[in-house]
Protein backbone atom coordinates (compact mmCIF):
# COMPACT_ATOMS: atom_id res chain seq x y z
CA MET A 1 195.40 -34.88 140.61
CA PRO A 2 195.87 -32.62 137.67
CA ARG A 3 196.18 -33.73 134.65
CA LEU A 4 200.13 -34.15 133.05
CA SER A 5 200.94 -33.29 129.40
CA ALA A 6 204.08 -34.40 127.89
CA ASN A 7 206.23 -31.34 126.08
CA LEU A 8 207.52 -33.11 123.44
CA GLY A 9 209.94 -30.37 123.07
CA PHE A 10 211.88 -30.95 126.18
CA LEU A 11 210.71 -34.76 126.94
CA PHE A 12 211.83 -38.17 123.97
CA THR A 13 214.02 -35.75 122.09
CA ASP A 14 216.05 -38.91 121.04
CA LEU A 15 212.75 -39.45 119.24
CA PRO A 16 211.89 -38.19 115.97
CA PHE A 17 208.94 -35.88 116.70
CA LEU A 18 205.98 -37.85 115.38
CA ASP A 19 207.46 -41.11 117.39
CA ARG A 20 207.36 -38.82 120.56
CA PHE A 21 203.26 -39.37 120.91
CA ALA A 22 203.49 -42.95 121.47
CA ALA A 23 206.20 -42.60 123.94
CA ALA A 24 204.30 -40.17 125.42
CA ALA A 25 201.30 -42.03 125.66
CA LYS A 26 203.54 -44.77 127.52
CA ALA A 27 204.83 -42.72 129.79
CA GLY A 28 201.20 -42.49 131.24
CA PHE A 29 200.75 -38.87 129.79
CA ALA A 30 197.28 -38.17 129.37
CA GLY A 31 198.45 -34.71 126.77
CA VAL A 32 200.71 -33.45 124.63
CA GLU A 33 202.25 -30.02 124.44
CA PHE A 34 205.05 -28.68 122.09
CA ALA A 35 205.79 -24.85 121.34
CA SER A 36 205.54 -25.01 117.29
CA PRO A 37 203.32 -27.42 115.06
CA TYR A 38 203.59 -25.19 111.95
CA GLU A 39 206.74 -27.33 110.45
CA HIS A 40 204.75 -30.58 110.82
CA ASP A 41 201.68 -31.88 108.85
CA ALA A 42 198.47 -31.15 111.19
CA ARG A 43 196.73 -34.33 110.01
CA GLU A 44 199.91 -36.37 110.85
CA ILE A 45 199.35 -35.09 114.19
CA GLU A 46 196.19 -35.60 114.43
CA ARG A 47 196.38 -39.21 113.79
CA ARG A 48 198.99 -39.89 116.44
CA LEU A 49 196.62 -37.88 119.10
CA ALA A 50 194.31 -40.24 118.12
CA ASP A 51 195.91 -43.23 117.84
CA HIS A 52 197.32 -42.95 121.54
CA GLY A 53 194.31 -41.25 122.90
CA LEU A 54 196.32 -37.90 123.57
CA THR A 55 194.95 -34.26 124.18
CA GLN A 56 196.43 -31.65 122.16
CA ALA A 57 197.02 -29.58 125.95
CA LEU A 58 198.47 -26.43 124.31
CA PHE A 59 201.06 -24.29 121.57
CA ASN A 60 202.20 -21.43 120.86
CA LEU A 61 201.08 -18.68 118.31
CA PRO A 62 203.68 -18.34 115.79
CA ALA A 63 206.44 -16.50 117.14
CA GLY A 64 208.06 -15.42 114.30
CA ASP A 65 211.87 -15.70 112.78
CA TRP A 66 213.27 -18.22 115.46
CA ASP A 67 216.21 -18.64 113.74
CA ALA A 68 216.89 -14.61 113.37
CA GLY A 69 216.38 -14.17 117.11
CA GLU A 70 212.20 -13.62 117.47
CA ARG A 71 210.78 -14.86 120.55
CA GLY A 72 207.07 -14.13 119.88
CA ILE A 73 205.81 -10.67 117.71
CA ALA A 74 202.94 -9.68 119.95
CA ILE A 75 204.99 -6.46 121.28
CA LEU A 76 206.31 -5.55 117.66
CA PRO A 77 204.71 -2.88 116.23
CA GLY A 78 206.21 -3.40 112.91
CA ARG A 79 204.50 -6.83 112.70
CA VAL A 80 200.86 -6.40 113.58
CA GLU A 81 199.75 -7.83 110.27
CA ALA A 82 202.24 -10.95 110.87
CA PHE A 83 201.01 -11.92 113.85
CA ARG A 84 196.96 -11.35 113.17
CA ASP A 85 198.01 -13.78 110.18
CA GLY A 86 199.36 -15.71 112.86
CA VAL A 87 196.22 -15.88 115.12
CA ALA A 88 194.24 -17.28 112.24
CA ARG A 89 196.93 -19.84 111.29
CA ALA A 90 196.65 -21.24 114.69
CA LEU A 91 193.19 -21.20 115.38
CA ASP A 92 192.74 -23.22 112.25
CA LEU A 93 195.14 -25.58 113.73
CA ALA A 94 193.78 -25.98 117.21
CA GLU A 95 190.38 -26.92 115.77
CA THR A 96 192.05 -29.29 113.54
CA LEU A 97 193.61 -31.16 116.59
CA GLY A 98 190.89 -30.17 119.24
CA CYS A 99 193.24 -27.94 121.35
CA GLU A 100 191.54 -25.27 123.67
CA ARG A 101 194.47 -23.37 124.66
CA LEU A 102 196.83 -21.29 122.96
CA ASN A 103 199.85 -19.69 124.42
CA CYS A 104 201.17 -16.34 122.68
CA LEU A 105 205.04 -15.28 123.43
CA ALA A 106 205.27 -11.73 124.22
CA GLY A 107 208.56 -11.70 122.12
CA VAL A 108 212.17 -10.03 122.45
CA ALA A 109 212.00 -6.01 123.27
CA PRO A 110 214.29 -4.38 120.63
CA PRO A 111 217.08 -2.29 122.93
CA ASP A 112 216.25 1.08 121.48
CA ALA A 113 212.27 0.98 121.52
CA ALA A 114 209.72 3.12 123.71
CA ARG A 115 208.79 0.56 126.51
CA GLY A 116 205.45 2.38 126.16
CA LYS A 117 204.83 1.67 122.74
CA LEU A 118 205.90 -1.60 123.08
CA GLU A 119 202.97 -2.21 125.68
CA ALA A 120 200.56 -0.69 123.76
CA THR A 121 201.18 -3.14 120.76
CA PHE A 122 200.54 -5.89 122.90
CA LEU A 123 197.82 -4.70 124.47
CA ASP A 124 195.88 -4.33 121.21
CA ASN A 125 197.10 -7.68 119.62
CA LEU A 126 195.81 -9.25 122.88
CA ALA A 127 192.36 -8.34 123.00
CA TYR A 128 192.21 -9.02 118.97
CA ALA A 129 193.66 -12.35 119.99
CA ALA A 130 191.43 -13.10 122.46
CA GLU A 131 188.24 -12.01 120.92
CA ALA A 132 188.95 -14.18 117.92
CA ALA A 133 189.78 -17.22 120.17
CA ALA A 134 186.50 -16.66 121.88
CA ARG A 135 185.12 -17.22 118.60
CA ARG A 136 186.90 -20.12 118.34
CA LYS A 137 186.28 -21.75 121.97
CA VAL A 138 189.87 -21.21 122.83
CA LYS A 139 191.54 -19.72 125.62
CA LEU A 140 194.53 -17.11 125.08
CA LEU A 141 197.54 -17.22 127.22
CA ILE A 142 200.22 -15.17 128.31
CA GLU A 143 203.38 -16.65 129.94
CA PRO A 144 206.15 -14.40 131.96
CA ILE A 145 209.53 -16.15 130.77
CA ASN A 146 212.87 -15.57 133.06
CA ASN A 147 215.63 -12.88 131.47
CA ARG A 148 218.36 -15.32 132.30
CA ASP A 149 217.21 -18.28 129.50
CA MET A 150 215.82 -15.80 127.54
CA PRO A 151 217.56 -12.61 127.86
CA GLY A 152 215.56 -9.29 126.94
CA PHE A 153 212.13 -11.21 126.64
CA TYR A 154 209.60 -8.40 127.51
CA LEU A 155 207.17 -9.95 130.00
CA ASN A 156 209.30 -11.72 132.93
CA ARG A 157 206.93 -11.39 136.21
CA THR A 158 203.64 -13.04 137.12
CA ASP A 159 202.34 -9.48 138.50
CA ASP A 160 203.39 -7.82 135.04
CA ALA A 161 201.35 -10.46 133.66
CA LEU A 162 198.21 -10.11 135.56
CA ARG A 163 198.09 -5.99 135.18
CA LEU A 164 198.24 -6.77 131.09
CA ILE A 165 195.52 -9.53 131.40
CA GLU A 166 193.27 -6.76 133.32
CA ARG A 167 194.33 -4.05 131.32
CA ALA A 168 193.37 -5.72 127.88
CA GLY A 169 189.89 -6.04 129.15
CA SER A 170 188.85 -9.61 127.84
CA ASP A 171 187.25 -12.31 129.88
CA ASN A 172 189.13 -14.75 127.08
CA LEU A 173 193.00 -13.96 128.12
CA TYR A 174 194.60 -16.11 130.63
CA LEU A 175 197.92 -16.82 132.75
CA GLN A 176 200.23 -19.43 131.41
CA ALA A 177 201.91 -20.24 134.84
CA ASP A 178 205.49 -21.40 134.34
CA ILE A 179 206.75 -23.06 137.89
CA TYR A 180 210.44 -22.44 136.66
CA HIS A 181 210.56 -19.27 134.91
CA MET A 182 208.53 -17.99 138.31
CA GLN A 183 211.04 -19.48 140.51
CA VAL A 184 214.31 -17.60 138.51
CA MET A 185 212.34 -14.79 138.39
CA GLU A 186 210.56 -14.49 141.87
CA GLY A 187 210.03 -17.15 143.97
CA ASP A 188 207.57 -17.00 147.03
CA LEU A 189 205.82 -19.65 144.67
CA ALA A 190 202.70 -20.42 146.53
CA ARG A 191 201.55 -17.01 147.38
CA ARG A 192 202.13 -16.33 143.62
CA LEU A 193 200.18 -19.31 142.54
CA GLU A 194 196.93 -18.59 145.06
CA ALA A 195 197.06 -14.90 143.91
CA ALA A 196 197.11 -15.71 140.17
CA ALA A 197 194.88 -18.99 140.78
CA PRO A 198 191.68 -17.58 139.25
CA ARG A 199 193.47 -16.17 135.71
CA ILE A 200 195.89 -19.53 135.60
CA ALA A 201 194.75 -21.50 132.23
CA HIS A 202 198.15 -23.79 132.27
CA ILE A 203 200.98 -24.77 134.55
CA GLN A 204 204.39 -25.82 133.50
CA ILE A 205 206.89 -27.25 135.83
CA ALA A 206 210.79 -28.12 135.82
CA ASP A 207 213.09 -27.89 138.87
CA ASN A 208 215.63 -25.76 139.36
CA PRO A 209 218.78 -25.26 138.97
CA GLY A 210 219.05 -27.43 135.34
CA ARG A 211 215.70 -27.32 134.16
CA HIS A 212 215.35 -30.99 135.35
CA GLU A 213 212.88 -33.03 136.48
CA PRO A 214 210.69 -32.59 139.63
CA GLY A 215 212.60 -33.48 142.91
CA THR A 216 216.01 -32.55 141.34
CA GLY A 217 216.49 -29.17 142.56
CA GLU A 218 215.66 -27.05 144.95
CA ILE A 219 211.52 -26.38 144.14
CA ASN A 220 209.16 -28.16 146.69
CA TYR A 221 207.04 -30.29 144.04
CA ALA A 222 205.49 -32.43 146.97
CA PHE A 223 204.34 -29.41 148.32
CA LEU A 224 203.21 -27.50 145.42
CA ILE A 225 201.53 -29.89 143.49
CA PRO A 226 198.73 -30.93 146.05
CA LEU A 227 198.04 -27.15 146.58
CA ILE A 228 197.62 -26.74 142.93
CA ASP A 229 195.20 -29.30 143.22
CA ARG A 230 193.27 -27.48 145.96
CA LEU A 231 193.71 -24.23 144.11
CA GLY A 232 191.55 -25.55 141.79
CA CYS A 233 193.55 -24.30 138.85
CA ASP A 234 191.99 -24.86 135.45
CA GLY A 235 193.63 -26.81 132.90
CA TRP A 236 196.82 -29.05 132.41
CA ILE A 237 200.44 -28.96 134.06
CA GLY A 238 202.68 -29.27 131.40
CA CYS A 239 206.29 -31.58 131.93
CA GLU A 240 208.49 -29.07 130.35
CA TYR A 241 211.85 -30.19 131.68
CA ARG A 242 214.89 -31.79 130.47
CA PRO A 243 215.34 -35.31 132.08
CA THR A 244 218.45 -36.16 133.75
CA THR A 245 218.55 -39.79 132.45
CA ALA A 246 216.36 -41.65 130.64
CA GLU A 247 215.63 -43.94 133.76
CA THR A 248 214.99 -41.04 136.17
CA ALA A 249 212.77 -39.38 133.68
CA PHE A 250 209.09 -40.03 135.13
CA GLY A 251 209.47 -41.73 138.69
CA TRP A 252 208.67 -38.50 140.22
CA MET A 253 205.00 -38.89 139.07
CA SER A 254 204.02 -42.02 140.57
CA ALA A 255 203.67 -39.95 143.97
CA TYR A 256 201.14 -38.00 142.20
CA ARG A 257 199.13 -40.76 140.56
CA ALA A 258 195.25 -40.78 141.18
């Protein structure tokens, strides 16, 4: 059974952030992940991880000014210096937290921008970040996100992500495969996971529609999770869903425990 990590941005949201670590451990998770640790004291996060025997599975590079609509800055030609500063900040924090994977959000494409220029910027930034991460023994990931939940997001499809990984030319660049986003944009999940398996370093799950826990929608996780296990995908399965109720949030996990 692949290891399960709790996404603290989606789970236990009725609790203060630092109290969610204990809740994740109590629910049976071995690891945690979240989008942005930068608003919190790193040493306090480190203590919560140690206190509850949790691994920091993943977090994102700094995503820019979220309140202003930025959802990553890796594609933006005018934000290269800020991107590189963010890489250094994230790697320092990853070392503190013992985190071996960082996700790089591409960003929302400006409506008047030339796509070729955005891709060239993205590739340069990925090459820079992947090399910097390799020196610190951290894997760099990119994630396709559906354009319904995040309109205008630059990277939406698995094949495009794999093409960019190949073009970037780094052995330290991987795919974060979010099955919820993949279902919304592409479907044909088993074949896509099989084709991408050698480059997958992290998986995230939620059902569709509603982005709720597995078993509440159309995705056949009873088939997919054993398939992921057989494919030998490296890393964690991150539970990035909104529970329908507190009582039903984690019952689905019992079928997959070793």
